[in-house]
Amino acid sequence: MNIYKWQIVQLDAKIKEHGKDNVIYTIHWRYTATDENEPDKYNATNIGAVNIKYKEGDDFIEYKDLTKNDVVGWLESLLDIDTMKLSLDNQIESKKNPVDEFLHPDWD
């Protein structure tokens, strides 16, 4: 079984927009799966960025009050998490049971 973890790498924000400060418009993220039995040996990571749009009148969380859980909630509402988990699981399985090798001939 794999364990999944979000890392929020960066938040891009407008300094001021619609009368609000630090209005986030891009979330840069990393989503990692780690084999629970051999975490140092088997892991895989997807990275990406998601654009979000604040519309005047929408609920707004001040940056000082924003939590990782808030941002993860945004990501999970916008991304296909099941497909991401499947991709990460397949990457780990390929590491455990490789079907390819990479040959580097030393020819001139």
C-alpha atoms as a PDB file:
ATOM      1  CA  MET A   1       0.000   0.000   0.000  1.00  0.00           C
ATOM      2  CA  ASN A   2       1.188   3.504  -0.752  1.00  0.00           C
ATOM      3  CA  ILE A   3       0.996   6.647   1.332  1.00  0.00           C
ATOM      4  CA  TYR A   4       0.201   9.910  -0.472  1.00  0.00           C
ATOM      5  CA  LYS A   5       1.349  13.374   0.518  1.00  0.00           C
ATOM      6  CA  TRP A   6       0.835  16.900  -0.819  1.00  0.00           C
ATOM      7  CA  GLN A   7       3.524  19.529  -0.802  1.00  0.00           C
ATOM      8  CA  ILE A   8       2.569  23.085  -1.679  1.00  0.00           C
ATOM      9  CA  VAL A   9       5.698  24.439  -3.334  1.00  0.00           C
ATOM     10  CA  GLN A  10       4.604  28.003  -4.094  1.00  0.00           C
ATOM     11  CA  LEU A  11       1.556  30.218  -4.291  1.00  0.00           C
ATOM     12  CA  ASP A  12       1.484  32.980  -6.904  1.00  0.00           C
ATOM     13  CA  ALA A  13      -0.668  35.911  -5.823  1.00  0.00           C
ATOM     14  CA  LYS A  14      -1.768  39.310  -7.011  1.00  0.00           C
ATOM     15  CA  ILE A  15      -0.623  41.884  -4.484  1.00  0.00           C
ATOM     16  CA  LYS A  16      -4.033  43.530  -4.698  1.00  0.00           C
ATOM     17  CA  GLU A  17      -7.119  42.544  -6.693  1.00  0.00           C
ATOM     18  CA  HIS A  18     -10.824  43.348  -6.218  1.00  0.00           C
ATOM     19  CA  GLY A  19      -9.928  45.185  -3.018  1.00  0.00           C
ATOM     20  CA  LYS A  20      -8.265  42.075  -1.535  1.00  0.00           C
ATOM     21  CA  ASP A  21      -4.603  41.508  -0.665  1.00  0.00           C
ATOM     22  CA  ASN A  22      -2.553  38.508  -1.826  1.00  0.00           C
ATOM     23  CA  VAL A  23      -5.150  36.993  -4.149  1.00  0.00           C
ATOM     24  CA  ILE A  24      -3.803  33.582  -5.133  1.00  0.00           C
ATOM     25  CA  TYR A  25      -3.994  32.715  -8.820  1.00  0.00           C
ATOM     26  CA  THR A  26      -1.590  29.770  -9.206  1.00  0.00           C
ATOM     27  CA  ILE A  27      -0.788  26.852  -6.919  1.00  0.00           C
ATOM     28  CA  HIS A  28       2.479  25.000  -7.581  1.00  0.00           C
ATOM     29  CA  TRP A  29       2.299  21.534  -6.063  1.00  0.00           C
ATOM     30  CA  ARG A  30       4.002  18.181  -5.655  1.00  0.00           C
ATOM     31  CA  TYR A  31       2.044  14.973  -4.956  1.00  0.00           C
ATOM     32  CA  THR A  32       4.125  12.022  -3.749  1.00  0.00           C
ATOM     33  CA  ALA A  33       3.375   8.365  -3.167  1.00  0.00           C
ATOM     34  CA  THR A  34       5.619   6.271  -0.959  1.00  0.00           C
ATOM     35  CA  ASP A  35       5.511   2.521  -0.401  1.00  0.00           C
ATOM     36  CA  GLU A  36       4.643   2.139   3.274  1.00  0.00           C
ATOM     37  CA  ASN A  37       6.867  -0.947   3.663  1.00  0.00           C
ATOM     38  CA  GLU A  38       9.947   0.401   1.884  1.00  0.00           C
ATOM     39  CA  PRO A  39       9.623   4.202   1.886  1.00  0.00           C
ATOM     40  CA  ASP A  40      13.313   4.870   1.271  1.00  0.00           C
ATOM     41  CA  LYS A  41      13.361   2.599  -1.758  1.00  0.00           C
ATOM     42  CA  TYR A  42      10.059   3.104  -3.568  1.00  0.00           C
ATOM     43  CA  ASN A  43       8.428   6.451  -4.213  1.00  0.00           C
ATOM     44  CA  ALA A  44       7.078   8.485  -7.094  1.00  0.00           C
ATOM     45  CA  THR A  45       6.137  12.126  -7.557  1.00  0.00           C
ATOM     46  CA  ASN A  46       3.871  14.164  -9.791  1.00  0.00           C
ATOM     47  CA  ILE A  47       4.399  17.897  -9.987  1.00  0.00           C
ATOM     48  CA  GLY A  48       2.257  20.590 -11.473  1.00  0.00           C
ATOM     49  CA  ALA A  49       0.624  23.955 -11.253  1.00  0.00           C
ATOM     50  CA  VAL A  50      -3.051  24.840 -11.190  1.00  0.00           C
ATOM     51  CA  ASN A  51      -4.533  28.215 -11.993  1.00  0.00           C
ATOM     52  CA  ILE A  52      -7.412  29.399  -9.880  1.00  0.00           C
ATOM     53  CA  LYS A  53      -9.561  32.472 -10.281  1.00  0.00           C
ATOM     54  CA  TYR A  54     -11.022  34.592  -7.525  1.00  0.00           C
ATOM     55  CA  LYS A  55     -14.240  36.291  -8.551  1.00  0.00           C
ATOM     56  CA  GLU A  56     -15.441  39.294  -6.627  1.00  0.00           C
ATOM     57  CA  GLY A  57     -18.026  38.129  -4.128  1.00  0.00           C
ATOM     58  CA  ASP A  58     -16.592  34.594  -3.791  1.00  0.00           C
ATOM     59  CA  ASP A  59     -15.572  33.400  -0.337  1.00  0.00           C
ATOM     60  CA  PHE A  60     -12.088  34.688   0.370  1.00  0.00           C
ATOM     61  CA  ILE A  61      -9.524  33.496   2.910  1.00  0.00           C
ATOM     62  CA  GLU A  62      -6.933  36.056   3.953  1.00  0.00           C
ATOM     63  CA  TYR A  63      -3.408  34.759   3.356  1.00  0.00           C
ATOM     64  CA  LYS A  64      -2.595  34.982   7.079  1.00  0.00           C
ATOM     65  CA  ASP A  65      -5.543  32.634   7.755  1.00  0.00           C
ATOM     66  CA  LEU A  66      -4.916  30.271   4.841  1.00  0.00           C
ATOM     67  CA  THR A  67      -3.912  26.706   5.745  1.00  0.00           C
ATOM     68  CA  LYS A  68      -2.402  23.839   3.817  1.00  0.00           C
ATOM     69  CA  ASN A  69      -5.729  22.018   4.195  1.00  0.00           C
ATOM     70  CA  ASP A  70      -7.505  24.911   2.465  1.00  0.00           C
ATOM     71  CA  VAL A  71      -5.144  24.752  -0.503  1.00  0.00           C
ATOM     72  CA  VAL A  72      -5.230  20.946  -0.674  1.00  0.00           C
ATOM     73  CA  GLY A  73      -9.025  21.176  -0.721  1.00  0.00           C
ATOM     74  CA  TRP A  74      -8.835  23.508  -3.723  1.00  0.00           C
ATOM     75  CA  LEU A  75      -6.459  21.130  -5.501  1.00  0.00           C
ATOM     76  CA  GLU A  76      -8.559  18.067  -4.770  1.00  0.00           C
ATOM     77  CA  SER A  77     -11.639  19.812  -6.142  1.00  0.00           C
ATOM     78  CA  LEU A  78      -9.806  20.703  -9.384  1.00  0.00           C
ATOM     79  CA  LEU A  79      -7.646  17.642 -10.102  1.00  0.00           C
ATOM     80  CA  ASP A  80      -8.456  13.996 -10.826  1.00  0.00           C
ATOM     81  CA  ILE A  81      -6.927  12.514  -7.674  1.00  0.00           C
ATOM     82  CA  ASP A  82      -7.860   8.900  -8.485  1.00  0.00           C
ATOM     83  CA  THR A  83      -6.000   9.091 -11.802  1.00  0.00           C
ATOM     84  CA  MET A  84      -2.994  10.723 -10.110  1.00  0.00           C
ATOM     85  CA  LYS A  85      -2.876   7.972  -7.483  1.00  0.00           C
ATOM     86  CA  LEU A  86      -3.091   5.301 -10.172  1.00  0.00           C
ATOM     87  CA  SER A  87      -0.228   6.932 -12.092  1.00  0.00           C
ATOM     88  CA  LEU A  88       1.936   7.094  -8.969  1.00  0.00           C
ATOM     89  CA  ASP A  89       1.072   3.501  -8.030  1.00  0.00           C
ATOM     90  CA  ASN A  90       2.073   2.371 -11.540  1.00  0.00           C
ATOM     91  CA  GLN A  91       5.376   4.260 -11.295  1.00  0.00           C
ATOM     92  CA  ILE A  92       6.180   2.535  -8.008  1.00  0.00           C
ATOM     93  CA  GLU A  93       5.168  -0.867  -9.397  1.00  0.00           C
ATOM     94  CA  SER A  94       7.494  -0.274 -12.369  1.00  0.00           C
ATOM     95  CA  LYS A  95      10.340   0.402  -9.950  1.00  0.00           C
ATOM     96  CA  LYS A  96       9.591  -2.804  -8.047  1.00  0.00           C
ATOM     97  CA  ASN A  97       9.194  -4.908 -11.188  1.00  0.00           C
ATOM     98  CA  PRO A  98      11.045  -3.155 -14.001  1.00  0.00           C
ATOM     99  CA  VAL A  99      10.325  -4.072 -17.596  1.00  0.00           C
ATOM    100  CA  ASP A 100      12.853  -1.709 -19.160  1.00  0.00           C
ATOM    101  CA  GLU A 101      16.543  -1.170 -18.761  1.00  0.00           C
ATOM    102  CA  PHE A 102      18.692   1.670 -19.978  1.00  0.00           C
ATOM    103  CA  LEU A 103      21.834   0.659 -21.843  1.00  0.00           C
ATOM    104  CA  HIS A 104      24.666   3.120 -22.296  1.00  0.00           C
ATOM    105  CA  PRO A 105      27.144   1.858 -24.925  1.00  0.00           C
ATOM    106  CA  ASP A 106      30.639   3.223 -24.638  1.00  0.00           C
ATOM    107  CA  TRP A 107      31.153   3.411 -28.394  1.00  0.00           C
ATOM    108  CA  ASP A 108      33.028   6.320 -29.895  1.00  0.00           C
END
